[in-house]
Protein backbone atom coordinates (compact mmCIF):
# COMPACT_ATOMS: atom_id res chain seq x y z
CA MET A 1 -8.90 25.37 -10.83
CA ALA A 2 -6.67 22.80 -12.61
CA ALA A 3 -3.06 23.45 -13.22
CA MET A 4 -1.00 22.50 -16.19
CA VAL A 5 2.12 20.29 -15.14
CA SER A 6 4.96 19.93 -17.24
CA THR A 7 5.80 16.11 -18.33
CA SER A 8 8.59 16.76 -20.81
CA LEU A 9 11.35 13.93 -20.89
CA SER A 10 13.86 16.28 -19.64
CA ALA A 11 12.39 17.57 -16.70
CA GLY A 12 12.19 16.25 -13.01
CA PRO A 13 9.16 17.23 -10.83
CA LYS A 14 8.22 20.73 -11.33
CA SER A 15 10.27 21.18 -14.61
CA GLN A 16 13.50 21.01 -12.04
CA GLN A 17 16.36 19.27 -14.46
CA LEU A 18 17.92 16.89 -12.91
CA SER A 19 21.97 17.60 -11.63
CA ALA A 20 24.72 16.38 -10.07
CA THR A 21 23.16 17.19 -6.45
CA ALA A 22 19.76 15.37 -7.45
CA PRO A 23 18.90 12.62 -5.49
CA PRO A 24 20.36 8.78 -6.15
CA PRO A 25 18.80 6.53 -8.55
CA LEU A 26 16.60 5.17 -6.15
CA PHE A 27 14.21 8.43 -6.40
CA SER A 28 14.82 9.20 -10.34
CA GLY A 29 13.51 7.63 -13.40
CA LEU A 30 9.82 9.03 -12.74
CA ARG A 31 9.95 9.82 -16.93
CA ARG A 32 8.63 7.63 -19.40
CA SER A 33 11.33 6.16 -21.47
CA SER A 34 10.84 6.83 -25.18
CA ALA A 35 11.15 3.37 -26.41
CA ALA A 36 7.74 2.41 -27.99
CA THR A 37 7.64 -1.21 -26.84
CA GLN A 38 8.68 -3.23 -23.43
CA SER A 39 9.56 -6.84 -23.88
CA PHE A 40 8.62 -9.19 -21.15
CA PHE A 41 9.02 -12.75 -20.50
CA GLN A 42 6.14 -14.63 -21.51
CA SER A 43 5.20 -18.22 -21.03
CA VAL A 44 2.46 -19.52 -22.65
CA ASN A 45 -0.75 -20.99 -21.53
CA SER A 46 -0.32 -19.38 -18.24
CA HIS A 47 -1.34 -16.57 -16.44
CA LEU A 48 1.49 -16.18 -14.12
CA ARG A 49 4.20 -14.67 -15.98
CA LEU A 50 4.01 -11.08 -17.37
CA SER A 51 3.39 -10.73 -21.28
CA SER A 52 4.76 -8.32 -23.75
CA SER A 53 3.26 -5.07 -24.03
CA THR A 54 3.56 -1.51 -26.39
CA SER A 55 2.73 1.01 -24.73
CA SER A 56 1.91 5.29 -25.92
CA ARG A 57 4.28 8.16 -26.65
CA PRO A 58 4.58 10.13 -23.07
CA SER A 59 2.42 12.53 -22.49
CA THR A 60 3.48 16.25 -22.98
CA ALA A 61 1.68 17.88 -20.30
CA ILE A 62 -0.85 16.37 -17.60
CA LEU A 63 -3.94 18.23 -16.01
CA ALA A 64 -3.45 18.44 -12.36
CA MET A 65 -6.59 17.80 -10.34
CA ALA A 66 -7.04 16.69 -6.87
CA GLY A 67 -9.36 14.56 -6.37
CA THR A 68 -12.62 14.27 -4.40
CA GLY A 69 -13.29 11.19 -2.70
CA LYS A 70 -13.21 10.39 1.14
CA PHE A 71 -9.65 9.47 2.67
CA PHE A 72 -9.29 6.31 2.82
CA VAL A 73 -6.27 4.08 4.58
CA GLY A 74 -6.30 0.32 4.94
CA GLY A 75 -3.91 -1.92 6.53
CA ASN A 76 -2.50 -4.71 4.62
CA TRP A 77 -1.34 -7.73 7.66
CA LYS A 78 -0.13 -9.62 4.86
CA CYS A 79 1.35 -13.05 6.28
CA ASN A 80 1.54 -11.93 9.85
CA GLY A 81 -0.16 -12.59 13.20
CA THR A 82 -1.26 -15.60 15.75
CA LYS A 83 -4.54 -15.51 17.42
CA ASP A 84 -3.23 -13.87 20.53
CA SER A 85 -1.36 -11.17 18.81
CA ILE A 86 -4.40 -10.16 16.26
CA LYS A 87 -6.70 -10.22 19.50
CA GLN A 88 -4.44 -7.56 21.22
CA LEU A 89 -4.74 -5.56 17.72
CA VAL A 90 -8.09 -5.48 17.06
CA SER A 91 -8.06 -4.50 20.90
CA ASP A 92 -5.90 -1.80 20.26
CA LEU A 93 -8.03 -0.51 17.24
CA ASN A 94 -11.39 -0.85 19.44
CA SER A 95 -10.10 1.18 21.57
CA ALA A 96 -8.25 3.87 19.57
CA THR A 97 -10.02 7.59 18.69
CA LEU A 98 -10.07 7.62 14.80
CA GLU A 99 -11.04 10.50 12.56
CA PRO A 100 -14.70 10.32 11.40
CA ASP A 101 -13.65 11.46 7.57
CA VAL A 102 -12.11 8.35 7.40
CA ASP A 103 -12.77 4.91 5.60
CA VAL A 104 -10.52 2.39 7.10
CA VAL A 105 -10.08 -1.18 5.91
CA VAL A 106 -8.15 -3.91 7.77
CA GLY A 107 -6.61 -7.31 5.69
CA PRO A 108 -5.79 -10.14 8.01
CA PRO A 109 -4.55 -13.31 6.44
CA PHE A 110 -7.55 -15.43 5.60
CA ILE A 111 -7.67 -17.90 8.73
CA TYR A 112 -8.02 -14.68 10.56
CA ILE A 113 -11.23 -13.30 9.08
CA ASP A 114 -13.67 -14.34 11.26
CA GLN A 115 -12.07 -13.71 14.38
CA VAL A 116 -11.21 -10.14 13.47
CA LYS A 117 -14.73 -10.22 11.87
CA SER A 118 -16.13 -10.89 15.02
CA SER A 119 -14.53 -9.25 17.41
CA LEU A 120 -13.52 -5.82 15.57
CA THR A 121 -15.79 -2.50 15.58
CA ASP A 122 -18.13 -1.76 12.87
CA ARG A 123 -16.20 1.12 12.38
CA ILE A 124 -13.01 -0.80 10.37
CA GLU A 125 -14.15 -3.02 7.53
CA ILE A 126 -12.45 -6.05 6.50
CA ALA A 127 -10.34 -6.38 3.30
CA ALA A 128 -9.22 -9.82 2.04
CA GLN A 129 -5.67 -10.22 1.21
CA ASN A 130 -6.56 -11.80 -2.54
CA SER A 131 -8.87 -13.64 -4.02
CA TRP A 132 -9.53 -15.92 -7.46
CA ILE A 133 -10.41 -15.09 -10.68
CA GLY A 134 -13.85 -17.06 -10.81
CA LYS A 135 -16.05 -19.30 -9.04
CA GLY A 136 -15.09 -21.51 -6.37
CA GLY A 137 -14.56 -25.15 -7.39
CA ALA A 138 -11.22 -27.30 -7.61
CA PHE A 139 -8.55 -24.96 -7.70
CA THR A 140 -6.62 -25.76 -4.83
CA GLY A 141 -5.18 -23.04 -2.31
CA GLU A 142 -7.71 -20.69 -3.31
CA ILE A 143 -10.01 -18.36 -2.12
CA SER A 144 -13.04 -17.19 -4.21
CA ALA A 145 -15.22 -13.83 -3.65
CA GLU A 146 -18.38 -15.19 -2.96
CA GLN A 147 -16.55 -17.64 0.18
CA LEU A 148 -15.02 -13.63 0.77
CA LYS A 149 -18.82 -11.95 0.83
CA ASP A 150 -20.14 -14.90 2.25
CA ILE A 151 -17.46 -14.20 5.76
CA GLY A 152 -18.52 -10.79 5.88
CA CYS A 153 -15.43 -8.84 3.80
CA LYS A 154 -16.21 -5.84 2.25
CA TRP A 155 -12.93 -5.20 0.19
CA VAL A 156 -9.97 -7.44 -1.77
CA ILE A 157 -6.42 -6.08 -2.41
CA LEU A 158 -5.63 -7.33 -5.70
CA GLY A 159 -2.51 -6.68 -7.76
CA HIS A 160 -0.04 -5.82 -4.70
CA SER A 161 3.85 -6.65 -5.83
CA GLU A 162 3.96 -9.38 -3.64
CA ARG A 163 1.45 -11.03 -5.79
CA ARG A 164 3.07 -9.96 -9.29
CA HIS A 165 7.33 -10.44 -8.81
CA VAL A 166 6.43 -13.13 -6.14
CA ILE A 167 3.58 -15.64 -7.38
CA GLY A 168 4.21 -14.09 -10.79
CA GLU A 169 0.83 -13.05 -11.51
CA ASN A 170 0.49 -10.76 -14.69
CA ASP A 171 -1.32 -7.89 -15.47
CA GLU A 172 -4.31 -9.33 -17.53
CA PHE A 173 -4.51 -12.50 -15.03
CA ILE A 174 -5.31 -9.28 -12.08
CA GLY A 175 -7.29 -7.12 -14.42
CA LYS A 176 -9.96 -10.26 -14.84
CA LYS A 177 -9.73 -11.19 -10.92
CA ALA A 178 -10.19 -6.81 -10.12
CA ALA A 179 -13.43 -7.15 -12.69
CA TYR A 180 -14.71 -10.77 -11.21
CA ALA A 181 -14.57 -9.35 -7.81
CA LEU A 182 -16.54 -6.52 -8.53
CA GLY A 183 -19.17 -7.90 -9.87
CA GLN A 184 -19.65 -9.78 -6.43
CA ASN A 185 -20.24 -6.86 -5.17
CA LEU A 186 -16.69 -6.41 -3.19
CA GLY A 187 -14.65 -2.97 -3.45
CA VAL A 188 -11.23 -3.56 -4.93
CA ILE A 189 -7.80 -1.78 -3.59
CA ALA A 190 -5.94 -2.18 -7.33
CA CYS A 191 -2.31 -2.00 -6.85
CA ILE A 192 0.01 -0.81 -8.89
CA GLY A 193 4.29 0.00 -8.99
CA GLU A 194 7.00 -0.28 -10.52
CA LEU A 195 10.41 -2.42 -9.67
CA LEU A 196 13.82 -0.56 -8.71
CA GLU A 197 15.05 -1.13 -11.78
CA GLU A 198 11.76 0.21 -14.11
CA ARG A 199 12.53 3.44 -11.83
CA GLU A 200 16.38 3.59 -12.67
CA ALA A 201 15.37 3.43 -16.54
CA GLY A 202 13.04 5.79 -16.67
CA LYS A 203 9.77 3.61 -17.13
CA THR A 204 7.99 4.25 -13.82
CA PHE A 205 5.19 5.76 -15.76
CA ASP A 206 5.06 2.64 -18.60
CA VAL A 207 4.56 0.41 -15.83
CA CYS A 208 1.97 2.80 -13.80
CA PHE A 209 -0.29 3.15 -16.91
CA LYS A 210 0.24 -0.52 -18.17
CA GLN A 211 -1.11 -2.03 -14.85
CA LEU A 212 -4.02 0.12 -15.16
CA LYS A 213 -5.01 -0.13 -18.55
CA ALA A 214 -5.29 -4.42 -17.60
CA TYR A 215 -7.66 -2.88 -15.12
CA ALA A 216 -9.37 -0.61 -17.38
CA ASP A 217 -9.83 -3.29 -20.11
CA ALA A 218 -11.21 -6.09 -17.64
CA VAL A 219 -13.81 -3.90 -15.48
CA SER A 220 -17.12 -1.87 -16.37
CA SER A 221 -17.25 0.36 -13.40
CA TRP A 222 -14.75 2.38 -11.37
CA ASP A 223 -17.11 3.33 -8.33
CA ASP A 224 -15.49 0.52 -6.08
CA ILE A 225 -12.21 0.75 -6.99
CA VAL A 226 -9.56 2.66 -4.99
CA ILE A 227 -6.25 2.46 -6.64
CA ALA A 228 -3.10 2.02 -4.63
CA TYR A 229 0.05 3.16 -5.89
CA GLU A 230 3.12 1.38 -4.53
CA PRO A 231 6.69 1.44 -5.67
CA VAL A 232 7.95 -1.82 -5.48
CA TRP A 233 11.32 -0.14 -3.98
CA ALA A 234 9.90 0.85 -1.09
CA ILE A 235 7.78 -1.82 0.27
CA GLY A 236 8.75 -2.89 3.92
CA THR A 237 12.46 -1.51 2.68
CA GLY A 238 12.37 1.61 4.95
CA LYS A 239 12.60 3.80 1.64
CA VAL A 240 9.71 6.37 1.40
CA ALA A 241 9.15 8.23 -2.03
CA SER A 242 9.45 11.94 -0.96
CA PRO A 243 5.97 13.60 -0.80
CA GLU A 244 6.90 15.31 -3.92
CA GLN A 245 7.73 12.18 -6.02
CA ALA A 246 4.40 10.07 -4.82
CA GLN A 247 2.25 13.52 -5.95
CA GLU A 248 4.09 13.66 -8.70
CA VAL A 249 2.84 9.77 -9.82
CA HIS A 250 -0.98 10.05 -8.37
CA VAL A 251 -0.91 13.30 -10.64
CA ALA A 252 0.06 11.16 -13.49
CA VAL A 253 -2.46 8.13 -12.67
CA ARG A 254 -5.81 10.70 -11.91
CA ASP A 255 -4.31 12.31 -15.53
CA TRP A 256 -4.21 8.82 -17.20
CA LEU A 257 -7.69 8.32 -15.88
CA ALA A 258 -8.84 11.54 -17.39
CA LYS A 259 -7.52 10.82 -20.49
CA ASN A 260 -8.14 7.19 -21.24
CA VAL A 261 -11.28 6.02 -18.82
CA SER A 262 -13.60 9.90 -18.20
CA THR A 263 -12.49 12.64 -16.02
CA GLU A 264 -15.31 11.70 -13.74
CA VAL A 265 -13.70 8.69 -12.58
CA ALA A 266 -10.13 10.63 -12.41
CA SER A 267 -11.76 12.76 -10.17
CA LYS A 268 -13.78 10.35 -7.72
CA THR A 269 -11.32 7.55 -7.79
CA ARG A 270 -9.55 7.38 -4.82
CA ILE A 271 -5.44 6.87 -5.28
CA ILE A 272 -3.47 5.61 -2.01
CA TYR A 273 0.28 5.66 -1.75
CA GLY A 274 1.78 2.80 -0.36
CA GLY A 275 5.26 2.29 0.55
CA SER A 276 6.86 2.06 4.38
CA VAL A 277 4.28 4.54 5.24
CA ASN A 278 4.75 5.32 9.07
CA ALA A 279 3.44 7.07 12.07
CA GLY A 280 6.14 9.58 11.50
CA ASN A 281 5.52 10.69 7.63
CA SER A 282 1.95 9.63 7.27
CA ALA A 283 1.41 13.65 7.94
CA ASP A 284 3.36 14.76 5.23
CA LEU A 285 2.16 12.35 2.82
CA ALA A 286 -1.25 13.53 3.46
CA LYS A 287 -0.42 17.06 2.69
CA LYS A 288 -0.41 16.40 -0.75
CA GLU A 289 -3.60 17.05 -2.83
CA ASP A 290 -3.87 14.06 -4.92
CA ILE A 291 -2.72 11.26 -2.06
CA ASP A 292 -6.11 9.96 -1.06
CA GLY A 293 -5.08 7.86 1.74
CA PHE A 294 -2.43 4.70 2.32
CA LEU A 295 -2.32 1.08 2.19
CA VAL A 296 0.02 0.50 4.80
CA GLY A 297 2.12 -2.38 5.76
CA GLY A 298 4.55 -3.17 8.40
CA ALA A 299 2.66 -0.11 10.10
CA SER A 300 -0.81 -1.80 10.25
CA LEU A 301 0.34 -4.16 13.05
CA LYS A 302 1.09 -1.53 15.43
CA GLY A 303 -2.47 -0.14 16.94
CA SER A 304 -1.50 3.35 17.93
CA ASP A 305 0.79 3.98 14.80
CA PHE A 306 -1.89 2.68 12.33
CA ALA A 307 -4.12 5.34 14.19
CA THR A 308 -2.04 8.11 13.79
CA ILE A 309 -1.95 7.22 10.07
CA ILE A 310 -5.35 6.84 9.70
CA ASN A 311 -5.72 10.10 11.55
CA SER A 312 -3.14 12.63 9.29
CA VAL A 313 -6.14 12.94 7.14
CA THR A 314 -6.40 16.37 9.66
CA ALA A 315 -3.08 17.32 8.13
CA LYS A 316 -5.18 17.40 4.85
CA LYS A 317 -7.15 19.43 6.08
CA VAL A 318 -4.70 21.86 7.51
CA ALA A 319 -3.31 22.01 3.81
CA ALA A 320 -6.42 22.45 1.87
């Protein structure tokens, strides 16, 4: 049965007040700020800078509803690997025993997609790490959704923090990329997440909801979208949001979908967690009802560890 969870500005997870013994600022600041407007640097005639937006007032309550989608685990290999190391990784994945009721994808670097596709078990699907905003052409260094489909990709990762904060892609640009990829029948792993300073300023929800809105404004269907919540301060740092902290954001994201898209989309859309997920912490995270899987970085480069994370679905079954 759905439960009402308080989200008053003064309350922490499960309405516990912050105190002198509370976790350090790195793990605080989940509550939305009272400011109605956030100012961002905007570069005219460019999609490659953050744009300004106006956020709505915070909700006073969240309707907690667990997702109904199949557990989903993605491995983002980023800019890692050689032909030889990837050959070994594929071999390890091919020999691993994986729980059957999990959707699994891996995202190799572009130049190794064909190698992986031709040698990896069909049990695991292939994702690209990025795609262009439209049809291919005179766009040096880009990869089109059509090309990804041609080589056998089923998914694409979009909106990752490294694309946002290193490359400089903004919310609107990412939303349009998602819409185009979906139009070419690619599934989209749609990343969202806040910077450390945004969390410390209490803007976690503001940032995540703004990023969600950009996707919602651009796409016509959520059927092939998986949302990946990745707090930027936890990516590759070894710092991980506690299961309770991750669950709180996931509940808020699902509530946003219910209120701004539909309750059906909120229930069906899988919301996965990323940010230093590893073989040691995945089971505890998986137990949370609104954590529907993981997007894994470094640990996905180790076949045995990635298999352990995939199989953490058993912890969710026990928790249920």
